Protein backbone atom coordinates (compact mmCIF):
# COMPACT_ATOMS: atom_id res chain seq x y z
CA UNK A 1 39.48 7.83 35.45
CA UNK A 2 42.72 6.07 33.64
CA UNK A 3 43.04 5.84 29.68
CA UNK A 4 42.88 2.12 28.79
CA UNK A 5 44.68 1.76 25.75
CA UNK A 6 41.71 -0.58 23.74
CA UNK A 7 45.03 -1.12 21.17
CA UNK A 8 47.47 -2.18 23.24
CA UNK A 9 45.20 -3.63 25.70
CA UNK A 10 44.55 -6.88 22.82
CA UNK A 11 47.77 -6.35 21.47
CA UNK A 12 47.31 -5.40 18.52
CA UNK A 13 48.13 -2.16 16.73
CA UNK A 14 46.01 0.75 14.85
CA UNK A 15 46.32 -1.14 11.40
CA UNK A 16 44.31 -4.23 13.08
CA UNK A 17 41.95 -5.07 11.31
CA UNK A 18 37.96 -7.28 12.35
CA UNK A 19 39.61 -10.63 12.50
CA UNK A 20 43.16 -9.52 14.44
CA UNK A 21 40.32 -8.36 16.42
CA UNK A 22 38.14 -11.48 17.02
CA UNK A 23 41.55 -14.01 17.36
CA UNK A 24 43.64 -11.58 19.84
CA UNK A 25 40.00 -11.32 21.75
CA UNK A 26 39.57 -14.87 22.20
CA UNK A 27 43.05 -16.00 23.01
CA UNK A 28 43.06 -13.58 25.28
CA UNK A 29 39.65 -14.43 27.14
CA UNK A 30 40.39 -17.70 27.66
CA UNK A 31 43.40 -16.61 28.93
CA UNK A 32 41.73 -14.98 31.84
CA UNK A 33 38.55 -16.46 31.75
CA UNK A 34 37.57 -16.80 36.08
CA UNK A 35 36.58 -20.16 35.05
CA UNK A 36 39.91 -20.68 34.54
CA UNK A 37 41.13 -18.30 37.05
CA UNK A 38 39.43 -19.19 40.08
CA UNK A 39 39.39 -16.45 43.37
CA UNK A 40 42.33 -14.17 40.86
CA UNK A 41 40.95 -10.86 41.13
CA UNK A 42 43.57 -8.93 38.97
CA UNK A 43 42.96 -11.92 36.11
CA UNK A 44 39.01 -10.55 36.37
CA UNK A 45 39.76 -7.35 35.88
CA UNK A 46 41.87 -7.64 32.99
CA UNK A 47 38.99 -9.75 31.85
CA UNK A 48 36.62 -7.23 32.14
CA UNK A 49 38.85 -4.85 30.04
CA UNK A 50 39.59 -7.38 27.28
CA UNK A 51 35.37 -7.22 26.90
CA UNK A 52 35.63 -3.77 26.67
CA UNK A 53 38.38 -3.47 24.72
CA UNK A 54 36.58 -5.95 21.93
CA UNK A 55 33.47 -4.49 22.77
CA UNK A 56 34.57 -1.32 21.35
CA UNK A 57 37.09 -1.91 18.60
CA UNK A 58 35.31 -4.62 17.24
CA UNK A 59 32.14 -2.32 16.51
CA UNK A 60 33.52 0.24 12.99
CA UNK A 61 31.29 2.86 14.47
CA UNK A 62 32.66 2.76 18.34
CA UNK A 63 36.20 2.15 17.18
CA UNK A 64 36.17 5.14 14.75
CA UNK A 65 35.10 7.23 17.31
CA UNK A 66 37.59 5.66 19.86
CA UNK A 67 39.99 6.45 17.23
CA UNK A 68 38.81 9.86 17.42
CA UNK A 69 38.15 10.80 20.77
CA UNK A 70 39.42 8.33 22.94
CA UNK A 71 38.72 7.89 26.01
CA UNK A 72 35.77 10.77 25.64
CA UNK A 73 34.17 8.89 22.34
CA UNK A 74 31.52 8.16 24.15
CA UNK A 75 30.11 11.34 23.93
CA UNK A 76 30.65 11.97 20.37
CA UNK A 77 27.53 11.86 19.47
CA UNK A 78 26.32 14.51 22.07
CA UNK A 79 29.04 17.18 20.97
CA UNK A 80 27.87 15.94 17.61
CA UNK A 81 24.09 16.62 18.03
CA UNK A 82 24.87 19.89 20.32
CA UNK A 83 26.87 21.48 18.04
CA UNK A 84 24.26 20.58 15.08
CA UNK A 85 22.30 22.24 17.49
CA UNK A 86 24.10 25.50 18.89
CA UNK A 87 24.78 26.00 14.81
CA UNK A 88 20.99 25.73 13.95
CA UNK A 89 20.06 28.48 16.39
CA UNK A 90 22.65 31.10 14.88
CA UNK A 91 24.76 30.39 17.42
CA UNK A 92 28.92 28.61 16.79
CA UNK A 93 29.80 28.65 12.93
CA UNK A 94 30.20 24.74 12.52
CA UNK A 95 33.14 24.23 14.64
CA UNK A 96 33.38 23.00 18.94
CA UNK A 97 36.22 25.44 18.86
CA UNK A 98 34.95 28.65 18.82
CA UNK A 99 33.55 32.17 20.35
CA UNK A 100 30.42 32.29 22.99
CA UNK A 101 28.48 35.18 22.45
CA UNK A 102 29.97 36.88 25.77
CA UNK A 103 32.87 36.76 24.16
CA UNK A 104 34.58 33.77 26.01
CA UNK A 105 36.58 31.10 23.86
CA UNK A 106 36.02 27.84 24.35
CA UNK A 107 37.59 24.38 22.80
CA UNK A 108 36.56 20.29 23.26
CA UNK A 109 40.41 19.30 24.15
CA UNK A 110 39.29 15.49 24.46
CA UNK A 111 40.40 14.90 27.61
CA UNK A 112 37.04 15.53 29.99
CA UNK A 113 36.22 13.10 32.34
CA UNK A 114 32.50 11.68 32.57
CA UNK A 115 31.47 13.46 35.17
CA UNK A 116 32.94 16.20 33.85
CA UNK A 117 31.15 16.79 31.10
CA UNK A 118 28.09 17.94 31.94
CA UNK A 119 29.45 20.62 33.37
CA UNK A 120 31.96 21.05 29.32
CA UNK A 121 27.73 21.34 28.35
CA UNK A 122 26.57 24.00 30.20
CA UNK A 123 29.92 25.81 30.48
CA UNK A 124 29.45 25.52 26.48
CA UNK A 125 25.98 26.29 25.72
CA UNK A 126 24.30 28.04 28.82
CA UNK A 127 21.12 28.25 29.91
CA UNK A 128 20.09 28.37 26.57
CA UNK A 129 20.65 25.20 25.83
CA UNK A 130 18.89 24.17 28.88
CA UNK A 131 15.93 25.34 28.14
CA UNK A 132 16.11 24.69 24.52
CA UNK A 133 17.43 20.96 25.62
CA UNK A 134 14.11 20.65 27.46
CA UNK A 135 11.77 21.68 24.08
CA UNK A 136 14.54 19.38 21.69
CA UNK A 137 14.92 16.19 23.34
CA UNK A 138 18.47 17.31 24.69
CA UNK A 139 18.75 14.07 26.86
CA UNK A 140 21.07 10.94 25.29
CA UNK A 141 20.33 8.41 25.92
CA UNK A 142 23.61 6.44 27.04
CA UNK A 143 26.47 3.94 25.20
CA UNK A 144 25.46 0.54 24.17
CA UNK A 145 27.75 -2.30 25.32
CA UNK A 146 28.58 -5.20 23.88
CA UNK A 147 30.15 -8.74 25.55
CA UNK A 148 30.92 -12.05 24.92
CA UNK A 149 29.13 -15.10 27.43
CA UNK A 150 30.89 -18.45 26.44
CA UNK A 151 28.78 -21.72 27.66
CA UNK A 152 29.44 -24.72 27.22
CA UNK A 153 26.77 -27.10 24.99
CA UNK A 154 25.98 -28.81 27.91
CA UNK A 155 25.17 -25.43 29.83
CA UNK A 156 22.53 -24.63 27.56
CA UNK A 157 20.21 -27.85 27.89
CA UNK A 158 18.24 -25.94 30.32
CA UNK A 159 17.91 -22.51 31.37
CA UNK A 160 20.15 -21.63 33.75
CA UNK A 161 21.47 -18.40 35.69
CA UNK A 162 24.25 -16.98 34.88
CA UNK A 163 26.25 -14.25 36.34
CA UNK A 164 28.40 -11.28 33.86
CA UNK A 165 30.13 -8.74 34.76
CA UNK A 166 30.67 -6.27 32.54
CA UNK A 167 32.59 -2.73 32.90
CA UNK A 168 32.64 -3.76 36.75
CA UNK A 169 29.64 -4.34 37.80
CA UNK A 170 27.58 -7.72 38.36
CA UNK A 171 24.57 -8.31 35.87
CA UNK A 172 22.61 -12.03 36.98
CA UNK A 173 20.33 -13.17 34.18
CA UNK A 174 18.65 -15.89 32.74
CA UNK A 175 20.05 -17.68 29.64
CA UNK A 176 17.28 -19.91 28.04
CA UNK A 177 17.63 -23.00 26.88
CA UNK A 178 18.87 -23.78 22.97
CA UNK A 179 20.62 -20.62 22.78
CA UNK A 180 22.33 -20.40 19.55
CA UNK A 181 26.86 -19.90 18.96
CA UNK A 182 26.80 -16.39 17.48
CA UNK A 183 23.56 -15.73 18.34
CA UNK A 184 22.96 -11.65 20.14
CA UNK A 185 20.46 -10.93 23.07
CA UNK A 186 19.48 -7.44 24.50
CA UNK A 187 19.39 -6.61 28.32
CA UNK A 188 17.49 -3.03 28.58
CA UNK A 189 18.92 -0.82 30.49
CA UNK A 190 22.74 -2.05 31.49
CA UNK A 191 24.74 0.56 29.39
CA UNK A 192 26.13 2.71 30.08
CA UNK A 193 24.93 6.10 32.09
CA UNK A 194 22.34 8.28 30.40
CA UNK A 195 23.59 12.11 29.54
CA UNK A 196 21.87 14.87 30.81
CA UNK A 197 19.26 12.94 32.63
CA UNK A 198 18.50 10.72 29.81
CA UNK A 199 18.26 6.43 29.28
CA UNK A 200 20.47 4.38 30.09
CA UNK A 201 21.58 2.51 27.14
CA UNK A 202 21.20 -1.12 26.75
CA UNK A 203 24.09 -4.47 26.88
CA UNK A 204 24.32 -7.02 23.96
CA UNK A 205 25.45 -10.07 24.31
CA UNK A 206 26.49 -12.53 22.07
CA UNK A 207 26.97 -16.05 23.06
CA UNK A 208 30.13 -18.25 21.81
CA UNK A 209 29.31 -21.60 22.50
CA UNK A 210 32.01 -24.71 23.08
CA UNK A 211 30.49 -28.42 22.50
CA UNK A 212 32.03 -30.44 24.96
CA UNK A 213 29.50 -32.99 23.88
CA UNK A 214 30.33 -36.58 21.35
CA UNK A 215 26.75 -34.42 19.36
CA UNK A 216 27.14 -32.29 16.10
CA UNK A 217 24.09 -29.95 16.50
CA UNK A 218 22.56 -28.02 13.70
CA UNK A 219 19.55 -25.42 15.52
CA UNK A 220 17.59 -27.91 17.99
CA UNK A 221 18.75 -31.39 15.98
CA UNK A 222 21.26 -33.31 17.05
CA UNK A 223 23.77 -35.43 15.44
CA UNK A 224 25.59 -38.58 16.45
CA UNK A 225 26.93 -42.18 14.37
CA UNK A 226 26.69 -45.52 16.97
CA UNK A 227 29.00 -48.79 16.37
CA UNK A 228 26.72 -52.01 15.85
CA UNK A 229 28.27 -55.29 14.81
CA UNK A 230 28.22 -57.12 11.79
CA UNK A 231 25.90 -60.08 12.76
CA UNK A 232 23.31 -57.09 14.32
CA UNK A 233 23.67 -55.86 10.96
CA UNK A 234 22.71 -59.28 9.33
CA UNK A 235 20.18 -60.05 12.16
CA UNK A 236 18.86 -56.96 13.95
CA UNK A 237 18.67 -56.81 17.77
CA UNK A 238 18.53 -54.04 20.53
CA UNK A 239 21.07 -51.66 20.90
CA UNK A 240 22.02 -49.36 24.23
CA UNK A 241 22.72 -45.86 21.78
CA UNK A 242 23.32 -42.49 23.54
CA UNK A 243 20.92 -39.05 23.75
CA UNK A 244 22.25 -35.81 25.47
CA UNK A 245 20.21 -36.86 28.83
CA UNK A 246 20.55 -40.91 29.04
CA UNK A 247 20.82 -43.63 27.76
CA UNK A 248 17.85 -45.32 25.29
CA UNK A 249 17.32 -49.11 23.92
CA UNK A 250 16.85 -48.66 19.76
CA UNK A 251 15.83 -51.27 17.93
CA UNK A 252 18.60 -52.17 15.05
CA UNK A 253 16.30 -54.09 11.75
CA UNK A 254 17.98 -56.62 9.92
CA UNK A 255 19.75 -55.83 7.00
CA UNK A 256 20.07 -52.50 8.22
CA UNK A 257 23.28 -50.69 6.23
CA UNK A 258 26.40 -49.32 6.83
CA UNK A 259 25.88 -44.99 6.75
CA UNK A 260 22.24 -45.58 6.92
CA UNK A 261 20.23 -43.31 9.29
CA UNK A 262 17.23 -43.85 12.37
CA UNK A 263 15.76 -40.52 14.11
CA UNK A 264 15.19 -40.38 17.70
CA UNK A 265 11.58 -37.91 17.83
CA UNK A 266 11.38 -35.40 19.88
CA UNK A 267 15.48 -36.40 21.53
CA UNK A 268 17.24 -33.75 20.18
CA UNK A 269 18.17 -30.34 21.86
CA UNK A 270 15.36 -27.85 23.40
CA UNK A 271 13.93 -24.82 20.97
CA UNK A 272 15.38 -21.56 21.76
CA UNK A 273 11.98 -20.03 24.11
CA UNK A 274 10.02 -22.86 22.99
CA UNK A 275 8.84 -24.92 26.73
CA UNK A 276 9.10 -28.57 26.89
CA UNK A 277 9.79 -28.69 22.80
CA UNK A 278 12.87 -30.65 21.52
CA UNK A 279 14.64 -31.12 18.07
CA UNK A 280 15.54 -34.40 16.63
CA UNK A 281 17.96 -36.53 16.97
CA UNK A 282 19.13 -38.83 14.22
CA UNK A 283 21.75 -41.28 14.91
CA UNK A 284 24.58 -42.57 12.09
CA UNK A 285 25.07 -46.86 12.00
CA UNK A 286 28.59 -48.03 11.08
CA UNK A 287 29.18 -52.00 10.88
CA UNK A 288 31.72 -52.97 12.62
CA UNK A 289 33.93 -55.11 10.47
CA UNK A 290 35.33 -57.24 12.51
CA UNK A 291 39.34 -58.16 12.98
CA UNK A 292 41.57 -60.77 14.38
CA UNK A 293 38.72 -64.04 13.72
CA UNK A 294 39.56 -67.01 14.48
CA UNK A 295 39.42 -70.41 12.55
CA UNK A 296 35.89 -71.62 14.00
CA UNK A 297 35.01 -67.55 13.13
CA UNK A 298 37.13 -67.90 9.73
CA UNK A 299 35.64 -71.41 8.95
CA UNK A 300 31.75 -69.86 9.09
CA UNK A 301 32.76 -66.99 6.76
CA UNK A 302 33.89 -69.12 4.64
CA UNK A 303 30.20 -71.58 5.04
CA UNK A 304 27.80 -67.94 4.09
CA UNK A 305 29.98 -66.81 1.61
CA UNK A 306 29.80 -70.04 -0.34
CA UNK A 307 26.12 -69.16 -0.17
CA UNK A 308 27.25 -65.57 -1.72
CA UNK A 309 26.29 -63.75 1.43
């Protein structure tokens, strides 16, 4: 496979900080997101590569392996484990460059393709490695993948099916209602392929939730502001207020003060993985002071003023 320079892909140099990587990823992910580039296969491919680059460089351990091994970074653990096993059994003196018992020398240059890794492993350690591997659990789990999925708040009010593309593979999954911004879930077995017959790695998806509503969300609770007239605040009345799934009528108590708060129980956001359970909606009242009064309205306020109101 062709080598992809993750730093170059994210328009960064090797001294980039974790914050630099995150900013670059978000900027490029938005630019090449499939929703903004429908039917653009080149943009979709670039988006997948950007996700892959972020998955590696945002993880300190993976980044370290990538910096050392390049495109073969996924096999770093396997090579190290194999080296330790061989050293423990009296083989090589602890280095990857060494001499086999037959007298033939081998060295690892860091440029093997994925499909030649097993051949290299077998050539380096021979039949004994296969036998010992069976006893020592020589099968290795595949690499875990990390991806970020960007969704709008309005998209996670209900559980929905989504299709995401990771390393060229389409994965269809149901996103439960109420997922949190920054929350990570694990999709078992959808990471890299196992080595020597080992299990596949897992896929970890982190959610980036964009608020496309006028509500403020804190976990399962929602917050909003409603403007009421001065007369309604003073005398009370009934108003229409917005909830996430429509409008409801709400009674305003006489003498309601500016910035006072009321709670609508169960009108908030769904609780994650708790079917038919919702948080609350908190509404702050903003009393609107009238402007551009008519002469008659001014007279009435003057009368009220005389009464001490």
